[in-house]
């Protein structure tokens, strides 16, 4: 599985962006696919996940109600719709894929085998 993110950029406070994570070589069926982000000087943190098979959607408290993760019907793309952006959302956003993740491990970045190179999101005040 090879992943590549797109859709990052510079946006003003309150604006929106839609990130996409595309898979080449394989569909994302059977994979939990998540978004993580890393701000300068900080650890990479969990943002949102769409679980394999069950289709369960999980969002971090910091983005709940503003961000929405989704999969396309063809199962090769996972998107992250980001609304009402704030400066604290500025980071490099990464998508990641892993298999056989139990619910309690979805937020653990060490559980993911595949990562994209990341896309930069900057929110200006």
PDB file of N, CA and C in Angstrom:
ATOM      1  N   UNK A   1       0.842  -1.191   0.000  1.00  0.00           N
ATOM      2  CA  UNK A   1       0.000   0.000   0.000  1.00  0.00           C
ATOM      3  C   UNK A   1       0.879   1.242   0.000  1.00  0.00           C
ATOM      4  N   UNK A   2       0.674   2.110  -0.963  1.00  0.00           N
ATOM      5  CA  UNK A   2       1.379   3.398  -1.004  1.00  0.00           C
ATOM      6  C   UNK A   2       0.344   4.500  -0.866  1.00  0.00           C
ATOM      7  N   UNK A   3       0.600   5.406   0.035  1.00  0.00           N
ATOM      8  CA  UNK A   3      -0.352   6.465   0.338  1.00  0.00           C
ATOM      9  C   UNK A   3       0.216   7.821  -0.054  1.00  0.00           C
ATOM     10  N   UNK A   4      -0.648   8.701  -0.502  1.00  0.00           N
ATOM     11  CA  UNK A   4      -0.227  10.055  -0.810  1.00  0.00           C
ATOM     12  C   UNK A   4      -1.333  11.020  -0.447  1.00  0.00           C
ATOM     13  N   UNK A   5      -0.984  12.039   0.308  1.00  0.00           N
ATOM     14  CA  UNK A   5      -1.936  13.059   0.710  1.00  0.00           C
ATOM     15  C   UNK A   5      -1.934  14.219  -0.277  1.00  0.00           C
ATOM     16  N   UNK A   6      -3.063  14.917  -0.337  1.00  0.00           N
ATOM     17  CA  UNK A   6      -3.172  16.134  -1.139  1.00  0.00           C
ATOM     18  C   UNK A   6      -4.216  17.038  -0.506  1.00  0.00           C
ATOM     19  N   UNK A   7      -4.221  18.294  -0.927  1.00  0.00           N
ATOM     20  CA  UNK A   7      -5.261  19.215  -0.480  1.00  0.00           C
ATOM     21  C   UNK A   7      -4.828  20.208   0.579  1.00  0.00           C
ATOM     22  N   UNK A   8      -3.598  20.131   1.030  1.00  0.00           N
ATOM     23  CA  UNK A   8      -3.139  21.083   2.029  1.00  0.00           C
ATOM     24  C   UNK A   8      -2.943  22.472   1.430  1.00  0.00           C
ATOM     25  N   UNK A   9      -2.713  23.439   2.306  1.00  0.00           N
ATOM     26  CA  UNK A   9      -2.486  24.799   1.838  1.00  0.00           C
ATOM     27  C   UNK A   9      -2.605  25.798   2.959  1.00  0.00           C
ATOM     28  N   UNK A  10      -2.665  27.067   2.564  1.00  0.00           N
ATOM     29  CA  UNK A  10      -2.786  28.170   3.513  1.00  0.00           C
ATOM     30  C   UNK A  10      -4.225  28.679   3.504  1.00  0.00           C
ATOM     31  N   UNK A  11      -4.802  28.845   4.676  1.00  0.00           N
ATOM     32  CA  UNK A  11      -6.194  29.274   4.783  1.00  0.00           C
ATOM     33  C   UNK A  11      -6.324  30.216   5.980  1.00  0.00           C
ATOM     34  N   UNK A  12      -7.292  31.093   5.942  1.00  0.00           N
ATOM     35  CA  UNK A  12      -7.508  32.008   7.053  1.00  0.00           C
ATOM     36  C   UNK A  12      -8.351  31.346   8.147  1.00  0.00           C
ATOM     37  N   UNK A  13      -8.281  31.902   9.326  1.00  0.00           N
ATOM     38  CA  UNK A  13      -9.089  31.399  10.438  1.00  0.00           C
ATOM     39  C   UNK A  13     -10.563  31.343  10.022  1.00  0.00           C
ATOM     40  N   UNK A  14     -11.199  30.230  10.354  1.00  0.00           N
ATOM     41  CA  UNK A  14     -12.597  30.038  10.016  1.00  0.00           C
ATOM     42  C   UNK A  14     -12.832  29.409   8.667  1.00  0.00           C
ATOM     43  N   UNK A  15     -11.756  29.254   7.903  1.00  0.00           N
ATOM     44  CA  UNK A  15     -11.877  28.667   6.570  1.00  0.00           C
ATOM     45  C   UNK A  15     -11.938  27.151   6.588  1.00  0.00           C
ATOM     46  N   UNK A  16     -11.969  26.585   5.388  1.00  0.00           N
ATOM     47  CA  UNK A  16     -12.096  25.132   5.238  1.00  0.00           C
ATOM     48  C   UNK A  16     -11.067  24.601   4.249  1.00  0.00           C
ATOM     49  N   UNK A  17     -10.702  23.356   4.459  1.00  0.00           N
ATOM     50  CA  UNK A  17      -9.877  22.608   3.519  1.00  0.00           C
ATOM     51  C   UNK A  17     -10.365  21.168   3.496  1.00  0.00           C
ATOM     52  N   UNK A  18     -10.126  20.519   2.373  1.00  0.00           N
ATOM     53  CA  UNK A  18     -10.449  19.092   2.271  1.00  0.00           C
ATOM     54  C   UNK A  18      -9.180  18.352   1.875  1.00  0.00           C
ATOM     55  N   UNK A  19      -8.722  17.491   2.741  1.00  0.00           N
ATOM     56  CA  UNK A  19      -7.553  16.677   2.465  1.00  0.00           C
ATOM     57  C   UNK A  19      -7.986  15.334   1.904  1.00  0.00           C
ATOM     58  N   UNK A  20      -7.176  14.798   1.007  1.00  0.00           N
ATOM     59  CA  UNK A  20      -7.426  13.467   0.469  1.00  0.00           C
ATOM     60  C   UNK A  20      -6.211  12.588   0.650  1.00  0.00           C
ATOM     61  N   UNK A  21      -6.472  11.327   0.896  1.00  0.00           N
ATOM     62  CA  UNK A  21      -5.420  10.318   1.011  1.00  0.00           C
ATOM     63  C   UNK A  21      -5.729   9.258  -0.029  1.00  0.00           C
ATOM     64  N   UNK A  22      -4.867   9.144  -1.021  1.00  0.00           N
ATOM     65  CA  UNK A  22      -5.092   8.206  -2.107  1.00  0.00           C
ATOM     66  C   UNK A  22      -4.140   7.026  -1.993  1.00  0.00           C
ATOM     67  N   UNK A  23      -4.684   5.868  -2.270  1.00  0.00           N
ATOM     68  CA  UNK A  23      -3.907   4.632  -2.235  1.00  0.00           C
ATOM     69  C   UNK A  23      -3.596   4.179  -3.648  1.00  0.00           C
ATOM     70  N   UNK A  24      -2.372   3.817  -3.886  1.00  0.00           N
ATOM     71  CA  UNK A  24      -2.006   3.242  -5.178  1.00  0.00           C
ATOM     72  C   UNK A  24      -1.594   1.789  -4.952  1.00  0.00           C
ATOM     73  N   UNK A  25      -1.940   0.941  -5.883  1.00  0.00           N
ATOM     74  CA  UNK A  25      -1.531  -0.446  -5.792  1.00  0.00           C
ATOM     75  C   UNK A  25      -2.512  -1.350  -5.078  1.00  0.00           C
ATOM     76  N   UNK A  26      -3.375  -0.800  -4.248  1.00  0.00           N
ATOM     77  CA  UNK A  26      -4.343  -1.623  -3.523  1.00  0.00           C
ATOM     78  C   UNK A  26      -5.473  -0.731  -3.022  1.00  0.00           C
ATOM     79  N   UNK A  27      -6.631  -1.345  -2.867  1.00  0.00           N
ATOM     80  CA  UNK A  27      -7.720  -0.597  -2.239  1.00  0.00           C
ATOM     81  C   UNK A  27      -7.456  -0.543  -0.739  1.00  0.00           C
ATOM     82  N   UNK A  28      -8.233   0.240  -0.060  1.00  0.00           N
ATOM     83  CA  UNK A  28      -8.077   0.370   1.382  1.00  0.00           C
ATOM     84  C   UNK A  28      -9.084  -0.486   2.140  1.00  0.00           C
ATOM     85  N   UNK A  29      -9.738  -1.384   1.417  1.00  0.00           N
ATOM     86  CA  UNK A  29     -10.610  -2.346   2.083  1.00  0.00           C
ATOM     87  C   UNK A  29      -9.800  -3.163   3.083  1.00  0.00           C
ATOM     88  N   UNK A  30     -10.334  -3.364   4.241  1.00  0.00           N
ATOM     89  CA  UNK A  30      -9.637  -4.167   5.221  1.00  0.00           C
ATOM     90  C   UNK A  30      -8.577  -3.411   6.009  1.00  0.00           C
ATOM     91  N   UNK A  31      -8.450  -2.098   5.770  1.00  0.00           N
ATOM     92  CA  UNK A  31      -7.484  -1.288   6.508  1.00  0.00           C
ATOM     93  C   UNK A  31      -8.217  -0.243   7.347  1.00  0.00           C
ATOM     94  N   UNK A  32      -7.723  -0.050   8.538  1.00  0.00           N
ATOM     95  CA  UNK A  32      -8.088   1.154   9.269  1.00  0.00           C
ATOM     96  C   UNK A  32      -7.226   2.277   8.700  1.00  0.00           C
ATOM     97  N   UNK A  33      -7.858   3.360   8.310  1.00  0.00           N
ATOM     98  CA  UNK A  33      -7.126   4.500   7.757  1.00  0.00           C
ATOM     99  C   UNK A  33      -7.369   5.703   8.650  1.00  0.00           C
ATOM    100  N   UNK A  34      -6.288   6.349   9.022  1.00  0.00           N
ATOM    101  CA  UNK A  34      -6.392   7.459   9.966  1.00  0.00           C
ATOM    102  C   UNK A  34      -5.602   8.667   9.480  1.00  0.00           C
ATOM    103  N   UNK A  35      -5.965   9.791  10.045  1.00  0.00           N
ATOM    104  CA  UNK A  35      -5.204  11.017   9.853  1.00  0.00           C
ATOM    105  C   UNK A  35      -4.523  11.365  11.177  1.00  0.00           C
ATOM    106  N   UNK A  36      -3.259  11.729  11.056  1.00  0.00           N
ATOM    107  CA  UNK A  36      -2.488  12.258  12.173  1.00  0.00           C
ATOM    108  C   UNK A  36      -1.947  13.616  11.750  1.00  0.00           C
ATOM    109  N   UNK A  37      -1.498  14.393  12.703  1.00  0.00           N
ATOM    110  CA  UNK A  37      -0.872  15.669  12.372  1.00  0.00           C
ATOM    111  C   UNK A  37       0.282  15.937  13.320  1.00  0.00           C
ATOM    112  N   UNK A  38       1.231  16.725  12.817  1.00  0.00           N
ATOM    113  CA  UNK A  38       2.395  17.070  13.618  1.00  0.00           C
ATOM    114  C   UNK A  38       2.731  18.537  13.423  1.00  0.00           C
ATOM    115  N   UNK A  39       2.628  19.276  14.513  1.00  0.00           N
ATOM    116  CA  UNK A  39       2.992  20.685  14.503  1.00  0.00           C
ATOM    117  C   UNK A  39       4.473  20.815  14.865  1.00  0.00           C
ATOM    118  N   UNK A  40       5.111  21.917  14.489  1.00  0.00           N
ATOM    119  CA  UNK A  40       6.533  22.102  14.804  1.00  0.00           C
ATOM    120  C   UNK A  40       6.816  21.965  16.302  1.00  0.00           C
ATOM    121  N   UNK A  41       7.790  21.138  16.645  1.00  0.00           N
ATOM    122  CA  UNK A  41       8.180  20.959  18.038  1.00  0.00           C
ATOM    123  C   UNK A  41       7.259  20.081  18.858  1.00  0.00           C
ATOM    124  N   UNK A  42       6.262  19.484  18.206  1.00  0.00           N
ATOM    125  CA  UNK A  42       5.305  18.651  18.947  1.00  0.00           C
ATOM    126  C   UNK A  42       5.300  17.230  18.397  1.00  0.00           C
ATOM    127  N   UNK A  43       4.742  16.328  19.201  1.00  0.00           N
ATOM    128  CA  UNK A  43       4.625  14.949  18.749  1.00  0.00           C
ATOM    129  C   UNK A  43       3.477  14.808  17.750  1.00  0.00           C
ATOM    130  N   UNK A  44       3.573  13.771  16.940  1.00  0.00           N
ATOM    131  CA  UNK A  44       2.504  13.493  15.999  1.00  0.00           C
ATOM    132  C   UNK A  44       1.276  13.022  16.782  1.00  0.00           C
ATOM    133  N   UNK A  45       0.131  13.604  16.479  1.00  0.00           N
ATOM    134  CA  UNK A  45      -1.077  13.294  17.241  1.00  0.00           C
ATOM    135  C   UNK A  45      -2.189  12.799  16.338  1.00  0.00           C
ATOM    136  N   UNK A  46      -3.038  11.987  16.929  1.00  0.00           N
ATOM    137  CA  UNK A  46      -4.179  11.423  16.223  1.00  0.00           C
ATOM    138  C   UNK A  46      -5.214  12.498  15.950  1.00  0.00           C
ATOM    139  N   UNK A  47      -5.819  12.413  14.760  1.00  0.00           N
ATOM    140  CA  UNK A  47      -6.876  13.350  14.380  1.00  0.00           C
ATOM    141  C   UNK A  47      -8.207  12.631  14.166  1.00  0.00           C
ATOM    142  N   UNK A  48      -8.199  11.607  13.310  1.00  0.00           N
ATOM    143  CA  UNK A  48      -9.447  10.915  12.992  1.00  0.00           C
ATOM    144  C   UNK A  48      -9.137   9.574  12.348  1.00  0.00           C
ATOM    145  N   UNK A  49     -10.101   8.660  12.430  1.00  0.00           N
ATOM    146  CA  UNK A  49      -9.912   7.327  11.879  1.00  0.00           C
ATOM    147  C   UNK A  49     -11.203   6.794  11.294  1.00  0.00           C
ATOM    148  N   UNK A  50     -11.070   5.978  10.261  1.00  0.00           N
ATOM    149  CA  UNK A  50     -12.183   5.202   9.741  1.00  0.00           C
ATOM    150  C   UNK A  50     -11.743   3.739   9.787  1.00  0.00           C
ATOM    151  N   UNK A  51     -12.468   2.964  10.564  1.00  0.00           N
ATOM    152  CA  UNK A  51     -12.016   1.604  10.854  1.00  0.00           C
ATOM    153  C   UNK A  51     -12.345   0.658   9.722  1.00  0.00           C
ATOM    154  N   UNK A  52     -11.490  -0.349   9.553  1.00  0.00           N
ATOM    155  CA  UNK A  52     -11.685  -1.381   8.550  1.00  0.00           C
ATOM    156  C   UNK A  52     -12.987  -2.112   8.821  1.00  0.00           C
ATOM    157  N   UNK A  53     -13.658  -2.474   7.747  1.00  0.00           N
ATOM    158  CA  UNK A  53     -14.856  -3.290   7.771  1.00  0.00           C
ATOM    159  C   UNK A  53     -16.034  -2.697   8.542  1.00  0.00           C
ATOM    160  N   UNK A  54     -15.828  -2.375   9.818  1.00  0.00           N
ATOM    161  CA  UNK A  54     -16.957  -1.870  10.593  1.00  0.00           C
ATOM    162  C   UNK A  54     -17.413  -0.506  10.111  1.00  0.00           C
ATOM    163  N   UNK A  55     -16.465   0.248   9.540  1.00  0.00           N
ATOM    164  CA  UNK A  55     -16.818   1.577   9.059  1.00  0.00           C
ATOM    165  C   UNK A  55     -16.953   2.603  10.165  1.00  0.00           C
ATOM    166  N   UNK A  56     -16.569   2.273  11.377  1.00  0.00           N
ATOM    167  CA  UNK A  56     -16.679   3.199  12.499  1.00  0.00           C
ATOM    168  C   UNK A  56     -15.807   4.423  12.262  1.00  0.00           C
ATOM    169  N   UNK A  57     -16.353   5.605  12.545  1.00  0.00           N
ATOM    170  CA  UNK A  57     -15.602   6.849  12.427  1.00  0.00           C
ATOM    171  C   UNK A  57     -15.261   7.350  13.824  1.00  0.00           C
ATOM    172  N   UNK A  58     -14.010   7.765  14.002  1.00  0.00           N
ATOM    173  CA  UNK A  58     -13.544   8.253  15.295  1.00  0.00           C
ATOM    174  C   UNK A  58     -12.843   9.584  15.072  1.00  0.00           C
ATOM    175  N   UNK A  59     -13.128  10.557  15.908  1.00  0.00           N
ATOM    176  CA  UNK A  59     -12.489  11.865  15.810  1.00  0.00           C
ATOM    177  C   UNK A  59     -11.919  12.276  17.165  1.00  0.00           C
ATOM    178  N   UNK A  60     -10.751  12.899  17.137  1.00  0.00           N
ATOM    179  CA  UNK A  60     -10.162  13.427  18.366  1.00  0.00           C
ATOM    180  C   UNK A  60     -11.064  14.532  18.914  1.00  0.00           C
ATOM    181  N   UNK A  61     -11.048  14.701  20.225  1.00  0.00           N
ATOM    182  CA  UNK A  61     -11.895  15.713  20.846  1.00  0.00           C
ATOM    183  C   UNK A  61     -11.588  17.111  20.306  1.00  0.00           C
ATOM    184  N   UNK A  62     -10.326  17.359  19.993  1.00  0.00           N
ATOM    185  CA  UNK A  62      -9.920  18.691  19.541  1.00  0.00           C
ATOM    186  C   UNK A  62     -10.500  19.072  18.181  1.00  0.00           C
ATOM    187  N   UNK A  63     -10.960  18.100  17.415  1.00  0.00           N
ATOM    188  CA  UNK A  63     -11.497  18.397  16.089  1.00  0.00           C
ATOM    189  C   UNK A  63     -12.953  17.983  15.934  1.00  0.00           C
ATOM    190  N   UNK A  64     -13.506  17.364  16.955  1.00  0.00           N
ATOM    191  CA  UNK A  64     -14.879  16.866  16.866  1.00  0.00           C
ATOM    192  C   UNK A  64     -15.845  18.025  16.595  1.00  0.00           C
ATOM    193  N   UNK A  65     -16.725  17.808  15.628  1.00  0.00           N
ATOM    194  CA  UNK A  65     -17.670  18.855  15.264  1.00  0.00           C
ATOM    195  C   UNK A  65     -17.152  19.803  14.195  1.00  0.00           C
ATOM    196  N   UNK A  66     -15.843  19.745  13.920  1.00  0.00           N
ATOM    197  CA  UNK A  66     -15.256  20.606  12.883  1.00  0.00           C
ATOM    198  C   UNK A  66     -14.692  19.790  11.720  1.00  0.00           C
ATOM    199  N   UNK A  67     -14.096  18.633  12.021  1.00  0.00           N
ATOM    200  CA  UNK A  67     -13.494  17.777  11.005  1.00  0.00           C
ATOM    201  C   UNK A  67     -14.359  16.534  10.827  1.00  0.00           C
ATOM    202  N   UNK A  68     -14.376  16.022   9.594  1.00  0.00           N
ATOM    203  CA  UNK A  68     -15.100  14.789   9.305  1.00  0.00           C
ATOM    204  C   UNK A  68     -14.274  13.911   8.389  1.00  0.00           C
ATOM    205  N   UNK A  69     -14.049  12.683   8.817  1.00  0.00           N
ATOM    206  CA  UNK A  69     -13.333  11.720   7.980  1.00  0.00           C
ATOM    207  C   UNK A  69     -14.348  10.889   7.211  1.00  0.00           C
ATOM    208  N   UNK A  70     -13.989  10.490   5.985  1.00  0.00           N
ATOM    209  CA  UNK A  70     -14.896   9.675   5.185  1.00  0.00           C
ATOM    210  C   UNK A  70     -14.094   8.855   4.192  1.00  0.00           C
ATOM    211  N   UNK A  71     -14.724   7.776   3.713  1.00  0.00           N
ATOM    212  CA  UNK A  71     -14.126   6.958   2.667  1.00  0.00           C
ATOM    213  C   UNK A  71     -14.971   7.103   1.417  1.00  0.00           C
ATOM    214  N   UNK A  72     -14.325   6.987   0.244  1.00  0.00           N
ATOM    215  CA  UNK A  72     -15.139   6.989  -0.969  1.00  0.00           C
ATOM    216  C   UNK A  72     -15.671   5.580  -1.212  1.00  0.00           C
ATOM    217  N   UNK A  73     -16.651   5.467  -2.083  1.00  0.00           N
ATOM    218  CA  UNK A  73     -17.311   4.180  -2.298  1.00  0.00           C
ATOM    219  C   UNK A  73     -16.368   3.173  -2.941  1.00  0.00           C
ATOM    220  N   UNK A  74     -15.414   3.646  -3.736  1.00  0.00           N
ATOM    221  CA  UNK A  74     -14.460   2.755  -4.373  1.00  0.00           C
ATOM    222  C   UNK A  74     -13.366   2.300  -3.442  1.00  0.00           C
ATOM    223  N   UNK A  75     -13.324   2.880  -2.233  1.00  0.00           N
ATOM    224  CA  UNK A  75     -12.400   2.464  -1.174  1.00  0.00           C
ATOM    225  C   UNK A  75     -10.940   2.702  -1.482  1.00  0.00           C
ATOM    226  N   UNK A  76     -10.636   3.656  -2.389  1.00  0.00           N
ATOM    227  CA  UNK A  76      -9.235   3.954  -2.645  1.00  0.00           C
ATOM    228  C   UNK A  76      -8.841   5.315  -2.093  1.00  0.00           C
ATOM    229  N   UNK A  77      -9.801   6.079  -1.596  1.00  0.00           N
ATOM    230  CA  UNK A  77      -9.510   7.400  -1.079  1.00  0.00           C
ATOM    231  C   UNK A  77     -10.215   7.610   0.253  1.00  0.00           C
ATOM    232  N   UNK A  78      -9.482   8.212   1.152  1.00  0.00           N
ATOM    233  CA  UNK A  78     -10.060   8.633   2.424  1.00  0.00           C
ATOM    234  C   UNK A  78      -9.861  10.139   2.536  1.00  0.00           C
ATOM    235  N   UNK A  79     -10.914  10.837   2.864  1.00  0.00           N
ATOM    236  CA  UNK A  79     -10.861  12.300   2.913  1.00  0.00           C
ATOM    237  C   UNK A  79     -11.019  12.815   4.333  1.00  0.00           C
ATOM    238  N   UNK A  80     -10.526  14.021   4.535  1.00  0.00           N
ATOM    239  CA  UNK A  80     -10.705  14.707   5.807  1.00  0.00           C
ATOM    240  C   UNK A  80     -11.212  16.110   5.500  1.00  0.00           C
ATOM    241  N   UNK A  81     -12.489  16.338   5.759  1.00  0.00           N
ATOM    242  CA  UNK A  81     -13.073  17.661   5.589  1.00  0.00           C
ATOM    243  C   UNK A  81     -12.833  18.457   6.852  1.00  0.00           C
ATOM    244  N   UNK A  82     -12.159  19.592   6.704  1.00  0.00           N
ATOM    245  CA  UNK A  82     -11.796  20.414   7.866  1.00  0.00           C
ATOM    246  C   UNK A  82     -12.478  21.763   7.746  1.00  0.00           C
ATOM    247  N   UNK A  83     -13.367  22.048   8.691  1.00  0.00           N
ATOM    248  CA  UNK A  83     -14.104  23.311   8.717  1.00  0.00           C
ATOM    249  C   UNK A  83     -13.734  24.111   9.962  1.00  0.00           C
ATOM    250  N   UNK A  84     -14.036  25.373   9.932  1.00  0.00           N
ATOM    251  CA  UNK A  84     -13.799  26.282  11.072  1.00  0.00           C
ATOM    252  C   UNK A  84     -12.381  26.126  11.605  1.00  0.00           C
ATOM    253  N   UNK A  85     -11.433  26.219  10.702  1.00  0.00           N
ATOM    254  CA  UNK A  85     -10.032  26.022  11.066  1.00  0.00           C
ATOM    255  C   UNK A  85      -9.536  27.150  11.971  1.00  0.00           C
ATOM    256  N   UNK A  86      -8.644  26.778  12.876  1.00  0.00           N
ATOM    257  CA  UNK A  86      -8.034  27.712  13.815  1.00  0.00           C
ATOM    258  C   UNK A  86      -6.513  27.580  13.720  1.00  0.00           C
ATOM    259  N   UNK A  87      -5.763  28.563  14.196  1.00  0.00           N
ATOM    260  CA  UNK A  87      -4.300  28.493  14.084  1.00  0.00           C
ATOM    261  C   UNK A  87      -3.705  27.219  14.694  1.00  0.00           C
ATOM    262  N   UNK A  88      -4.341  26.691  15.731  1.00  0.00           N
ATOM    263  CA  UNK A  88      -3.835  25.478  16.370  1.00  0.00           C
ATOM    264  C   UNK A  88      -3.929  24.247  15.471  1.00  0.00           C
ATOM    265  N   UNK A  89      -4.635  24.356  14.366  1.00  0.00           N
ATOM    266  CA  UNK A  89      -4.718  23.250  13.410  1.00  0.00           C
ATOM    267  C   UNK A  89      -3.526  23.235  12.452  1.00  0.00           C
ATOM    268  N   UNK A  90      -2.685  24.250  12.512  1.00  0.00           N
ATOM    269  CA  UNK A  90      -1.509  24.306  11.646  1.00  0.00           C
ATOM    270  C   UNK A  90      -0.568  23.147  11.950  1.00  0.00           C
ATOM    271  N   UNK A  91      -0.263  22.356  10.926  1.00  0.00           N
ATOM    272  CA  UNK A  91       0.570  21.163  11.102  1.00  0.00           C
ATOM    273  C   UNK A  91       0.784  20.507   9.751  1.00  0.00           C
ATOM    274  N   UNK A  92       1.672  19.522   9.734  1.00  0.00           N
ATOM    275  CA  UNK A  92       1.740  18.606   8.605  1.00  0.00           C
ATOM    276  C   UNK A  92       0.775  17.462   8.909  1.00  0.00           C
ATOM    277  N   UNK A  93      -0.098  17.194   7.952  1.00  0.00           N
ATOM    278  CA  UNK A  93      -1.107  16.151   8.116  1.00  0.00           C
ATOM    279  C   UNK A  93      -0.686  14.911   7.353  1.00  0.00           C
ATOM    280  N   UNK A  94      -0.769  13.783   8.041  1.00  0.00           N
ATOM    281  CA  UNK A  94      -0.369  12.504   7.473  1.00  0.00           C
ATOM    282  C   UNK A  94      -1.544  11.537   7.482  1.00  0.00           C
ATOM    283  N   UNK A  95      -1.660  10.727   6.428  1.00  0.00           N
ATOM    284  CA  UNK A  95      -2.593   9.612   6.503  1.00  0.00           C
ATOM    285  C   UNK A  95      -1.784   8.344   6.735  1.00  0.00           C
ATOM    286  N   UNK A  96      -2.419   7.389   7.376  1.00  0.00           N
ATOM    287  CA  UNK A  96      -1.773   6.146   7.743  1.00  0.00           C
ATOM    288  C   UNK A  96      -2.768   5.007   7.634  1.00  0.00           C
ATOM    289  N   UNK A  97      -2.267   3.829   7.320  1.00  0.00           N
ATOM    290  CA  UNK A  97      -3.127   2.656   7.182  1.00  0.00           C
ATOM    291  C   UNK A  97      -2.551   1.493   7.969  1.00  0.00           C
ATOM    292  N   UNK A  98      -3.433   0.731   8.571  1.00  0.00           N
ATOM    293  CA  UNK A  98      -3.018  -0.442   9.327  1.00  0.00           C
ATOM    294  C   UNK A  98      -4.124  -1.479   9.324  1.00  0.00           C
ATOM    295  N   UNK A  99      -3.758  -2.704   9.631  1.00  0.00           N
ATOM    296  CA  UNK A  99      -4.728  -3.792   9.634  1.00  0.00           C
ATOM    297  C   UNK A  99      -4.872  -4.383  11.028  1.00  0.00           C
ATOM    298  N   UNK A 100      -6.040  -4.908  11.268  1.00  0.00           N
ATOM    299  CA  UNK A 100      -6.349  -5.630  12.505  1.00  0.00           C
ATOM    300  C   UNK A 100      -6.072  -4.788  13.743  1.00  0.00           C
ATOM    301  N   UNK A 101      -6.453  -3.518  13.672  1.00  0.00           N
ATOM    302  CA  UNK A 101      -6.333  -2.657  14.837  1.00  0.00           C
ATOM    303  C   UNK A 101      -7.576  -2.776  15.689  1.00  0.00           C
ATOM    304  N   UNK A 102      -7.387  -3.067  16.965  1.00  0.00           N
ATOM    305  CA  UNK A 102      -8.532  -3.068  17.862  1.00  0.00           C
ATOM    306  C   UNK A 102      -8.868  -1.620  18.206  1.00  0.00           C
ATOM    307  N   UNK A 103     -10.072  -1.418  18.686  1.00  0.00           N
ATOM    308  CA  UNK A 103     -10.572  -0.065  18.906  1.00  0.00           C
ATOM    309  C   UNK A 103      -9.629   0.741  19.791  1.00  0.00           C
ATOM    310  N   UNK A 104      -9.100   0.133  20.831  1.00  0.00           N
ATOM    311  CA  UNK A 104      -8.259   0.854  21.786  1.00  0.00           C
ATOM    312  C   UNK A 104      -6.903   1.253  21.214  1.00  0.00           C
ATOM    313  N   UNK A 105      -6.521   0.716  20.068  1.00  0.00           N
ATOM    314  CA  UNK A 105      -5.202   1.007  19.509  1.00  0.00           C
ATOM    315  C   UNK A 105      -5.251   1.967  18.323  1.00  0.00           C
ATOM    316  N   UNK A 106      -6.434   2.387  17.944  1.00  0.00           N
ATOM    317  CA  UNK A 106      -6.587   3.216  16.742  1.00  0.00           C
ATOM    318  C   UNK A 106      -5.805   4.531  16.862  1.00  0.00           C
ATOM    319  N   UNK A 107      -5.683   5.066  18.044  1.00  0.00           N
ATOM    320  CA  UNK A 107      -5.005   6.350  18.227  1.00  0.00           C
ATOM    321  C   UNK A 107      -3.484   6.218  18.381  1.00  0.00           C
ATOM    322  N   UNK A 108      -2.971   5.006  18.371  1.00  0.00           N
ATOM    323  CA  UNK A 108      -1.550   4.740  18.575  1.00  0.00           C
ATOM    324  C   UNK A 108      -0.834   4.689  17.226  1.00  0.00           C
ATOM    325  N   UNK A 109      -0.007   5.672  16.945  1.00  0.00           N
ATOM    326  CA  UNK A 109       0.640   5.748  15.630  1.00  0.00           C
ATOM    327  C   UNK A 109       1.578   4.570  15.370  1.00  0.00           C
ATOM    328  N   UNK A 110       2.051   3.932  16.432  1.00  0.00           N
ATOM    329  CA  UNK A 110       2.959   2.788  16.246  1.00  0.00           C
ATOM    330  C   UNK A 110       2.255   1.577  15.635  1.00  0.00           C
ATOM    331  N   UNK A 111       0.942   1.597  15.637  1.00  0.00           N
ATOM    332  CA  UNK A 111       0.162   0.462  15.122  1.00  0.00           C
ATOM    333  C   UNK A 111      -0.011   0.498  13.610  1.00  0.00           C
ATOM    334  N   UNK A 112       0.420   1.555  12.973  1.00  0.00           N
ATOM    335  CA  UNK A 112       0.180   1.712  11.545  1.00  0.00           C
ATOM    336  C   UNK A 112       1.423   1.346  10.743  1.00  0.00           C
ATOM    337  N   UNK A 113       1.222   0.566   9.682  1.00  0.00           N
ATOM    338  CA  UNK A 113       2.342   0.083   8.884  1.00  0.00           C
ATOM    339  C   UNK A 113       2.671   0.978   7.699  1.00  0.00           C
ATOM    340  N   UNK A 114       1.688   1.731   7.240  1.00  0.00           N
ATOM    341  CA  UNK A 114       1.869   2.515   6.016  1.00  0.00           C
ATOM    342  C   UNK A 114       1.561   3.980   6.285  1.00  0.00           C
ATOM    343  N   UNK A 115       2.423   4.836   5.756  1.00  0.00           N
ATOM    344  CA  UNK A 115       2.279   6.281   5.941  1.00  0.00           C
ATOM    345  C   UNK A 115       2.501   7.016   4.632  1.00  0.00           C
ATOM    346  N   UNK A 116       1.768   8.105   4.461  1.00  0.00           N
ATOM    347  CA  UNK A 116       2.050   9.001   3.356  1.00  0.00           C
ATOM    348  C   UNK A 116       3.122  10.001   3.752  1.00  0.00           C
ATOM    349  N   UNK A 117       3.618  10.806   2.799  1.00  0.00           N
ATOM    350  CA  UNK A 117       4.677  11.775   3.075  1.00  0.00           C
ATOM    351  C   UNK A 117       4.196  13.025   3.803  1.00  0.00           C
ATOM    352  N   UNK A 118       2.881  13.249   3.825  1.00  0.00           N
ATOM    353  CA  UNK A 118       2.333  14.394   4.539  1.00  0.00           C
ATOM    354  C   UNK A 118       2.010  15.568   3.636  1.00  0.00           C
ATOM    355  N   UNK A 119       1.084  16.408   4.100  1.00  0.00           N
ATOM    356  CA  UNK A 119       0.724  17.630   3.398  1.00  0.00           C
ATOM    357  C   UNK A 119       0.597  18.749   4.435  1.00  0.00           C
ATOM    358  N   UNK A 120       1.113  19.919   4.100  1.00  0.00           N
ATOM    359  CA  UNK A 120       1.164  21.025   5.043  1.00  0.00           C
ATOM    360  C   UNK A 120      -0.159  21.787   5.059  1.00  0.00           C
ATOM    361  N   UNK A 121      -0.656  22.047   6.255  1.00  0.00           N
ATOM    362  CA  UNK A 121      -1.820  22.905   6.452  1.00  0.00           C
ATOM    363  C   UNK A 121      -1.388  24.067   7.335  1.00  0.00           C
ATOM    364  N   UNK A 122      -1.640  25.284   6.881  1.00  0.00           N
ATOM    365  CA  UNK A 122      -1.295  26.467   7.663  1.00  0.00           C
ATOM    366  C   UNK A 122      -2.531  27.354   7.781  1.00  0.00           C
ATOM    367  N   UNK A 123      -2.861  27.738   9.002  1.00  0.00           N
ATOM    368  CA  UNK A 123      -4.026  28.577   9.261  1.00  0.00           C
ATOM    369  C   UNK A 123      -3.532  29.915   9.799  1.00  0.00           C
ATOM    370  N   UNK A 124      -3.837  30.974   9.084  1.00  0.00           N
ATOM    371  CA  UNK A 124      -3.358  32.298   9.491  1.00  0.00           C
ATOM    372  C   UNK A 124      -4.448  33.053  10.246  1.00  0.00           C
ATOM    373  N   UNK A 125      -4.017  33.804  11.243  1.00  0.00           N
ATOM    374  CA  UNK A 125      -4.973  34.559  12.062  1.00  0.00           C
ATOM    375  C   UNK A 125      -5.105  35.999  11.576  1.00  0.00           C
TER     376      UNK A 125
END
